[in-house]
C-alpha atoms as a PDB file:
ATOM      1  CA  UNK A   1     -18.121  41.878   2.778  1.00  0.00           C
ATOM      2  CA  UNK A   2     -17.132  40.456  -0.691  1.00  0.00           C
ATOM      3  CA  UNK A   3     -13.187  40.910   0.798  1.00  0.00           C
ATOM      4  CA  UNK A   4     -14.243  39.196   3.410  1.00  0.00           C
ATOM      5  CA  UNK A   5     -15.889  36.337   1.153  1.00  0.00           C
ATOM      6  CA  UNK A   6     -12.760  36.165  -0.727  1.00  0.00           C
ATOM      7  CA  UNK A   7     -10.579  36.104   2.231  1.00  0.00           C
ATOM      8  CA  UNK A   8     -12.328  33.357   3.972  1.00  0.00           C
ATOM      9  CA  UNK A   9     -12.672  30.991   0.695  1.00  0.00           C
ATOM     10  CA  UNK A  10      -8.674  31.651   0.426  1.00  0.00           C
ATOM     11  CA  UNK A  11      -8.449  30.381   4.229  1.00  0.00           C
ATOM     12  CA  UNK A  12     -10.366  27.433   3.148  1.00  0.00           C
ATOM     13  CA  UNK A  13      -8.055  26.614   0.583  1.00  0.00           C
ATOM     14  CA  UNK A  14      -5.410  26.543   2.496  1.00  0.00           C
ATOM     15  CA  UNK A  15      -3.320  23.174   3.114  1.00  0.00           C
ATOM     16  CA  UNK A  16      -0.127  24.528   3.910  1.00  0.00           C
ATOM     17  CA  UNK A  17       1.643  27.134   5.928  1.00  0.00           C
ATOM     18  CA  UNK A  18       5.178  28.373   6.506  1.00  0.00           C
ATOM     19  CA  UNK A  19       6.543  31.123   9.247  1.00  0.00           C
ATOM     20  CA  UNK A  20       9.861  32.747   8.419  1.00  0.00           C
ATOM     21  CA  UNK A  21      11.207  35.346  10.654  1.00  0.00           C
ATOM     22  CA  UNK A  22       8.099  37.894  10.716  1.00  0.00           C
ATOM     23  CA  UNK A  23       6.138  36.426   7.554  1.00  0.00           C
ATOM     24  CA  UNK A  24       3.533  33.694   7.639  1.00  0.00           C
ATOM     25  CA  UNK A  25       2.655  32.097   4.228  1.00  0.00           C
ATOM     26  CA  UNK A  26      -0.612  30.289   3.684  1.00  0.00           C
ATOM     27  CA  UNK A  27      -0.368  28.123   0.721  1.00  0.00           C
ATOM     28  CA  UNK A  28      -2.539  25.735  -1.889  1.00  0.00           C
ATOM     29  CA  UNK A  29       0.206  22.718  -1.660  1.00  0.00           C
ATOM     30  CA  UNK A  30       3.565  24.737  -2.854  1.00  0.00           C
ATOM     31  CA  UNK A  31       2.158  25.735  -6.067  1.00  0.00           C
ATOM     32  CA  UNK A  32       0.121  29.025  -4.693  1.00  0.00           C
ATOM     33  CA  UNK A  33       0.580  31.662  -1.971  1.00  0.00           C
ATOM     34  CA  UNK A  34      -2.520  32.699  -1.064  1.00  0.00           C
ATOM     35  CA  UNK A  35      -2.004  35.153   1.959  1.00  0.00           C
ATOM     36  CA  UNK A  36       0.916  36.066   3.016  1.00  0.00           C
ATOM     37  CA  UNK A  37       0.827  38.373   6.493  1.00  0.00           C
ATOM     38  CA  UNK A  38       3.826  40.326   8.052  1.00  0.00           C
ATOM     39  CA  UNK A  39       4.490  41.278  11.476  1.00  0.00           C
ATOM     40  CA  UNK A  40       4.657  45.021  12.270  1.00  0.00           C
ATOM     41  CA  UNK A  41       6.930  46.304  14.933  1.00  0.00           C
ATOM     42  CA  UNK A  42       5.749  47.929  17.757  1.00  0.00           C
END
């Protein structure tokens, strides 16, 4: 449950996102990357 709590806190702190090819990056302004998601091939 702690990991889930941290995940939602990071989502809540997100102010920007960028999408580049297969990578979605959620960040706090341009200062800090909070979460990075990569698309996996099928």
